[in-house]
Amino acid sequence: MATGGLDYHVRLWDFHGMNRNMNSFRIVEPFTGNAIRNLSFNTTGSHLMIINGNKQITFLDRDGARCLLTVKGYMYVKDLNLTKGHTNTINDGQFHPLNHNELASASADGSIRLWDI
């Protein structure tokens, strides 16, 4: 399980390996100074998507190591079809329920992007 919030940290929990202290086994701060807005595992549990109000989505593996980062869009391009990433903060994102490598993200730039990781 993964949790995140206003303290800028993502905590990864393993309930089978937990001791009496009930501590998370890993604490990660994906970006300095950004609160975590959304966390989501893909259907296989191999990738954790982290959305924290940045222009990019960060992906961690199940052990907490950063493995992927989406591209940042070029903010001076008026036509969003001509840039490959979001040009404003990302508000939400979800993995595809059947294909574990695809996801959609929604941004304050008014676009929804489909990604294949």
N, C-alpha and C. Protein backbone atom coordinates (compact mmCIF):
# COMPACT_ATOMS: atom_id res chain seq x y z
N MET A 1 0.84 -1.16 0.00
CA MET A 1 0.00 0.00 0.00
C MET A 1 0.90 1.23 0.00
N ALA A 2 0.42 2.31 -0.59
CA ALA A 2 1.16 3.57 -0.62
C ALA A 2 0.24 4.68 -0.11
N THR A 3 0.82 5.59 0.66
CA THR A 3 0.09 6.76 1.13
C THR A 3 0.94 7.99 0.89
N GLY A 4 0.28 9.13 0.73
CA GLY A 4 0.99 10.39 0.52
C GLY A 4 0.07 11.53 0.91
N GLY A 5 0.65 12.70 1.14
CA GLY A 5 -0.19 13.81 1.54
C GLY A 5 0.54 15.13 1.54
N LEU A 6 0.14 15.99 2.45
CA LEU A 6 0.65 17.36 2.51
C LEU A 6 2.07 17.45 3.04
N ASP A 7 2.62 16.36 3.57
CA ASP A 7 3.99 16.39 4.09
C ASP A 7 5.04 16.10 3.02
N TYR A 8 4.62 16.03 1.74
CA TYR A 8 5.49 15.85 0.57
C TYR A 8 6.08 14.45 0.45
N HIS A 9 5.72 13.54 1.31
CA HIS A 9 6.32 12.21 1.31
C HIS A 9 5.34 11.14 0.85
N VAL A 10 5.89 10.13 0.20
CA VAL A 10 5.15 8.91 -0.14
C VAL A 10 5.68 7.82 0.77
N ARG A 11 4.77 7.15 1.45
CA ARG A 11 5.15 6.06 2.35
C ARG A 11 4.65 4.75 1.76
N LEU A 12 5.55 3.78 1.70
CA LEU A 12 5.21 2.45 1.19
C LEU A 12 5.12 1.50 2.37
N TRP A 13 4.04 0.73 2.40
CA TRP A 13 3.72 -0.15 3.52
C TRP A 13 3.70 -1.60 3.05
N ASP A 14 4.25 -2.48 3.88
CA ASP A 14 4.20 -3.92 3.65
C ASP A 14 3.65 -4.55 4.93
N PHE A 15 2.38 -4.92 4.90
CA PHE A 15 1.73 -5.40 6.12
C PHE A 15 2.21 -6.78 6.55
N HIS A 16 2.68 -7.60 5.61
CA HIS A 16 3.17 -8.93 6.00
C HIS A 16 4.52 -8.85 6.69
N GLY A 17 5.32 -7.85 6.36
CA GLY A 17 6.64 -7.72 6.97
C GLY A 17 6.68 -6.70 8.09
N MET A 18 5.53 -6.25 8.57
CA MET A 18 5.47 -5.20 9.58
C MET A 18 5.76 -5.75 10.97
N ASN A 19 6.51 -4.96 11.75
CA ASN A 19 6.78 -5.36 13.14
C ASN A 19 5.85 -4.61 14.09
N ARG A 20 6.12 -4.65 15.37
CA ARG A 20 5.24 -4.02 16.37
C ARG A 20 5.22 -2.50 16.27
N ASN A 21 6.25 -1.90 15.68
CA ASN A 21 6.31 -0.43 15.57
C ASN A 21 5.32 0.11 14.54
N MET A 22 4.83 -0.73 13.65
CA MET A 22 3.87 -0.35 12.61
C MET A 22 4.39 0.79 11.73
N ASN A 23 5.66 0.73 11.34
CA ASN A 23 6.25 1.75 10.49
C ASN A 23 6.23 1.32 9.03
N SER A 24 6.23 2.33 8.14
CA SER A 24 6.35 2.02 6.73
C SER A 24 7.78 1.58 6.44
N PHE A 25 7.96 0.77 5.38
CA PHE A 25 9.30 0.27 5.10
C PHE A 25 10.11 1.23 4.23
N ARG A 26 9.47 2.19 3.62
CA ARG A 26 10.18 3.16 2.78
C ARG A 26 9.44 4.48 2.77
N ILE A 27 10.19 5.58 2.88
CA ILE A 27 9.65 6.93 2.76
C ILE A 27 10.41 7.63 1.65
N VAL A 28 9.67 8.15 0.66
CA VAL A 28 10.27 8.77 -0.51
C VAL A 28 9.68 10.17 -0.68
N GLU A 29 10.53 11.13 -1.00
CA GLU A 29 10.06 12.48 -1.36
C GLU A 29 10.35 12.68 -2.84
N PRO A 30 9.35 12.43 -3.72
CA PRO A 30 9.60 12.46 -5.16
C PRO A 30 10.07 13.82 -5.68
N PHE A 31 9.45 14.89 -5.22
CA PHE A 31 9.85 16.24 -5.58
C PHE A 31 9.83 17.08 -4.32
N THR A 32 10.82 17.91 -4.13
CA THR A 32 10.92 18.74 -2.94
C THR A 32 9.84 19.82 -2.95
N GLY A 33 9.07 19.90 -1.89
CA GLY A 33 8.13 20.99 -1.71
C GLY A 33 6.81 20.89 -2.44
N ASN A 34 6.42 19.71 -2.92
CA ASN A 34 5.13 19.54 -3.58
C ASN A 34 4.32 18.48 -2.84
N ALA A 35 3.10 18.86 -2.44
CA ALA A 35 2.22 17.92 -1.75
C ALA A 35 1.74 16.86 -2.74
N ILE A 36 1.51 15.67 -2.24
CA ILE A 36 1.06 14.56 -3.08
C ILE A 36 -0.44 14.71 -3.31
N ARG A 37 -0.86 14.74 -4.58
CA ARG A 37 -2.28 14.89 -4.92
C ARG A 37 -2.95 13.56 -5.24
N ASN A 38 -2.23 12.64 -5.84
CA ASN A 38 -2.83 11.37 -6.24
C ASN A 38 -1.77 10.29 -6.32
N LEU A 39 -2.12 9.11 -5.86
CA LEU A 39 -1.28 7.92 -5.97
C LEU A 39 -2.10 6.80 -6.56
N SER A 40 -1.48 6.01 -7.42
CA SER A 40 -2.21 4.89 -8.02
C SER A 40 -1.23 3.83 -8.49
N PHE A 41 -1.46 2.58 -8.10
CA PHE A 41 -0.70 1.46 -8.64
C PHE A 41 -1.36 0.98 -9.91
N ASN A 42 -0.55 0.45 -10.84
CA ASN A 42 -1.15 -0.20 -12.01
C ASN A 42 -1.70 -1.56 -11.59
N THR A 43 -2.36 -2.26 -12.50
CA THR A 43 -3.06 -3.50 -12.13
C THR A 43 -2.12 -4.61 -11.68
N THR A 44 -0.87 -4.59 -12.12
CA THR A 44 0.08 -5.62 -11.68
C THR A 44 0.83 -5.23 -10.41
N GLY A 45 0.73 -3.96 -10.02
CA GLY A 45 1.44 -3.49 -8.83
C GLY A 45 2.91 -3.20 -9.07
N SER A 46 3.34 -3.19 -10.32
CA SER A 46 4.75 -2.97 -10.61
C SER A 46 5.14 -1.50 -10.65
N HIS A 47 4.20 -0.60 -10.95
CA HIS A 47 4.48 0.83 -11.03
C HIS A 47 3.49 1.62 -10.16
N LEU A 48 4.01 2.60 -9.47
CA LEU A 48 3.21 3.53 -8.67
C LEU A 48 3.28 4.89 -9.33
N MET A 49 2.13 5.43 -9.73
CA MET A 49 2.05 6.74 -10.34
C MET A 49 1.86 7.78 -9.24
N ILE A 50 2.67 8.86 -9.28
CA ILE A 50 2.60 9.92 -8.28
C ILE A 50 2.32 11.23 -8.99
N ILE A 51 1.22 11.88 -8.59
CA ILE A 51 0.87 13.19 -9.12
C ILE A 51 0.94 14.18 -7.96
N ASN A 52 1.74 15.23 -8.15
CA ASN A 52 1.95 16.17 -7.06
C ASN A 52 1.88 17.62 -7.49
N GLY A 53 1.07 17.93 -8.49
CA GLY A 53 0.91 19.32 -8.91
C GLY A 53 2.03 19.83 -9.79
N ASN A 54 2.88 18.95 -10.23
CA ASN A 54 3.95 19.30 -11.14
C ASN A 54 3.47 19.12 -12.58
N LYS A 55 4.30 19.42 -13.55
CA LYS A 55 3.95 19.24 -14.96
C LYS A 55 4.31 17.85 -15.45
N GLN A 56 4.88 17.03 -14.58
CA GLN A 56 5.30 15.69 -14.94
C GLN A 56 4.75 14.69 -13.93
N ILE A 57 4.59 13.45 -14.39
CA ILE A 57 4.17 12.36 -13.53
C ILE A 57 5.40 11.53 -13.20
N THR A 58 5.57 11.21 -11.94
CA THR A 58 6.68 10.38 -11.50
C THR A 58 6.17 8.96 -11.28
N PHE A 59 6.99 7.98 -11.63
CA PHE A 59 6.66 6.58 -11.41
C PHE A 59 7.74 5.95 -10.55
N LEU A 60 7.30 5.21 -9.55
CA LEU A 60 8.20 4.44 -8.70
C LEU A 60 7.93 2.96 -8.92
N ASP A 61 8.95 2.14 -8.71
CA ASP A 61 8.69 0.70 -8.70
C ASP A 61 8.17 0.31 -7.32
N ARG A 62 7.88 -0.93 -7.12
CA ARG A 62 7.25 -1.33 -5.85
C ARG A 62 8.19 -1.24 -4.65
N ASP A 63 9.49 -1.06 -4.90
CA ASP A 63 10.44 -0.89 -3.80
C ASP A 63 10.73 0.57 -3.49
N GLY A 64 10.15 1.51 -4.26
CA GLY A 64 10.31 2.93 -3.99
C GLY A 64 11.38 3.62 -4.80
N ALA A 65 11.99 2.94 -5.77
CA ALA A 65 13.00 3.57 -6.62
C ALA A 65 12.33 4.24 -7.81
N ARG A 66 12.77 5.45 -8.14
CA ARG A 66 12.21 6.17 -9.28
C ARG A 66 12.61 5.45 -10.56
N CYS A 67 11.62 5.12 -11.38
CA CYS A 67 11.92 4.38 -12.60
C CYS A 67 11.51 5.12 -13.87
N LEU A 68 10.52 5.99 -13.82
CA LEU A 68 10.07 6.71 -15.01
C LEU A 68 9.64 8.11 -14.65
N LEU A 69 9.64 8.98 -15.66
CA LEU A 69 9.18 10.35 -15.52
C LEU A 69 8.64 10.77 -16.88
N THR A 70 7.43 11.30 -16.91
CA THR A 70 6.86 11.74 -18.19
C THR A 70 7.55 13.01 -18.67
N VAL A 71 7.42 13.30 -19.95
CA VAL A 71 8.05 14.49 -20.51
C VAL A 71 7.25 15.73 -20.13
N LYS A 72 7.95 16.84 -20.05
CA LYS A 72 7.32 18.12 -19.75
C LYS A 72 7.02 18.82 -21.08
N GLY A 73 5.82 19.36 -21.20
CA GLY A 73 5.44 20.07 -22.40
C GLY A 73 6.12 21.43 -22.50
N TYR A 74 6.24 21.91 -23.72
CA TYR A 74 6.84 23.22 -23.96
C TYR A 74 5.75 24.27 -23.81
N MET A 75 5.85 25.12 -22.79
CA MET A 75 4.75 26.00 -22.43
C MET A 75 4.52 27.17 -23.38
N TYR A 76 5.43 27.43 -24.28
CA TYR A 76 5.27 28.55 -25.20
C TYR A 76 4.58 28.17 -26.50
N VAL A 77 4.23 26.90 -26.65
CA VAL A 77 3.50 26.45 -27.83
C VAL A 77 2.01 26.65 -27.56
N LYS A 78 1.33 27.35 -28.44
CA LYS A 78 -0.10 27.63 -28.26
C LYS A 78 -0.97 26.40 -28.53
N ASP A 79 -0.61 25.61 -29.55
CA ASP A 79 -1.38 24.43 -29.92
C ASP A 79 -0.85 23.24 -29.12
N LEU A 80 -1.68 22.70 -28.21
CA LEU A 80 -1.23 21.60 -27.34
C LEU A 80 -0.98 20.31 -28.10
N ASN A 81 -1.45 20.21 -29.35
CA ASN A 81 -1.16 19.02 -30.16
C ASN A 81 0.30 18.98 -30.58
N LEU A 82 0.99 20.09 -30.52
CA LEU A 82 2.37 20.16 -30.99
C LEU A 82 3.40 19.92 -29.89
N THR A 83 2.96 19.72 -28.67
CA THR A 83 3.88 19.42 -27.57
C THR A 83 3.55 18.04 -27.01
N LYS A 84 4.55 17.38 -26.45
CA LYS A 84 4.39 15.99 -26.05
C LYS A 84 3.94 15.79 -24.61
N GLY A 85 3.97 16.84 -23.79
CA GLY A 85 3.58 16.70 -22.39
C GLY A 85 2.67 17.82 -21.95
N HIS A 86 2.30 17.77 -20.67
CA HIS A 86 1.45 18.81 -20.11
C HIS A 86 2.25 20.10 -19.91
N THR A 87 1.59 21.24 -20.11
CA THR A 87 2.24 22.53 -19.96
C THR A 87 1.83 23.25 -18.67
N ASN A 88 0.96 22.64 -17.89
CA ASN A 88 0.53 23.21 -16.62
C ASN A 88 0.41 22.07 -15.61
N THR A 89 0.00 22.36 -14.40
CA THR A 89 -0.03 21.35 -13.35
C THR A 89 -0.99 20.21 -13.69
N ILE A 90 -0.59 19.02 -13.33
CA ILE A 90 -1.41 17.83 -13.54
C ILE A 90 -2.27 17.65 -12.29
N ASN A 91 -3.58 17.50 -12.50
CA ASN A 91 -4.51 17.40 -11.38
C ASN A 91 -4.88 15.97 -11.02
N ASP A 92 -4.95 15.09 -12.01
CA ASP A 92 -5.41 13.73 -11.74
C ASP A 92 -4.88 12.79 -12.81
N GLY A 93 -4.90 11.51 -12.50
CA GLY A 93 -4.48 10.49 -13.44
C GLY A 93 -4.92 9.12 -12.97
N GLN A 94 -5.17 8.23 -13.92
CA GLN A 94 -5.59 6.87 -13.58
C GLN A 94 -5.01 5.89 -14.59
N PHE A 95 -4.61 4.73 -14.11
CA PHE A 95 -4.18 3.65 -14.99
C PHE A 95 -5.39 3.02 -15.66
N HIS A 96 -5.16 2.46 -16.83
CA HIS A 96 -6.20 1.71 -17.54
C HIS A 96 -6.52 0.46 -16.71
N PRO A 97 -7.79 0.08 -16.58
CA PRO A 97 -8.12 -1.06 -15.72
C PRO A 97 -7.68 -2.41 -16.28
N LEU A 98 -7.45 -2.52 -17.58
CA LEU A 98 -7.07 -3.80 -18.16
C LEU A 98 -5.63 -3.83 -18.66
N ASN A 99 -5.16 -2.74 -19.25
CA ASN A 99 -3.80 -2.68 -19.76
C ASN A 99 -2.92 -1.95 -18.75
N HIS A 100 -2.01 -2.65 -18.12
CA HIS A 100 -1.23 -2.08 -17.02
C HIS A 100 -0.18 -1.06 -17.46
N ASN A 101 0.05 -0.89 -18.76
CA ASN A 101 1.03 0.08 -19.24
C ASN A 101 0.42 1.38 -19.74
N GLU A 102 -0.90 1.51 -19.73
CA GLU A 102 -1.55 2.71 -20.25
C GLU A 102 -2.22 3.48 -19.12
N LEU A 103 -2.20 4.81 -19.25
CA LEU A 103 -2.86 5.66 -18.27
C LEU A 103 -3.32 6.95 -18.93
N ALA A 104 -4.19 7.66 -18.25
CA ALA A 104 -4.67 8.96 -18.71
C ALA A 104 -4.40 9.97 -17.60
N SER A 105 -4.06 11.19 -18.00
CA SER A 105 -3.82 12.26 -17.04
C SER A 105 -4.55 13.52 -17.49
N ALA A 106 -5.03 14.29 -16.51
CA ALA A 106 -5.75 15.54 -16.78
C ALA A 106 -4.98 16.69 -16.14
N SER A 107 -4.90 17.80 -16.89
CA SER A 107 -4.08 18.92 -16.45
C SER A 107 -4.87 20.22 -16.45
N ALA A 108 -4.34 21.21 -15.74
CA ALA A 108 -4.93 22.54 -15.73
C ALA A 108 -4.73 23.27 -17.05
N ASP A 109 -3.94 22.70 -17.97
CA ASP A 109 -3.81 23.31 -19.29
C ASP A 109 -5.00 22.99 -20.20
N GLY A 110 -5.97 22.23 -19.67
CA GLY A 110 -7.19 21.90 -20.41
C GLY A 110 -7.07 20.66 -21.26
N SER A 111 -6.01 19.88 -21.07
CA SER A 111 -5.83 18.69 -21.91
C SER A 111 -5.89 17.42 -21.07
N ILE A 112 -6.27 16.35 -21.75
CA ILE A 112 -6.19 15.00 -21.21
C ILE A 112 -5.20 14.26 -22.10
N ARG A 113 -4.20 13.67 -21.51
CA ARG A 113 -3.19 12.96 -22.28
C ARG A 113 -3.25 11.48 -21.99
N LEU A 114 -3.07 10.68 -23.02
CA LEU A 114 -2.97 9.24 -22.90
C LEU A 114 -1.51 8.86 -23.01
N TRP A 115 -1.06 8.03 -22.08
CA TRP A 115 0.35 7.65 -21.99
C TRP A 115 0.47 6.13 -22.11
N ASP A 116 1.54 5.68 -22.71
CA ASP A 116 1.91 4.27 -22.74
C ASP A 116 3.31 4.18 -22.17
N ILE A 117 3.43 3.69 -20.95
CA ILE A 117 4.73 3.67 -20.29
C ILE A 117 5.53 2.46 -20.71
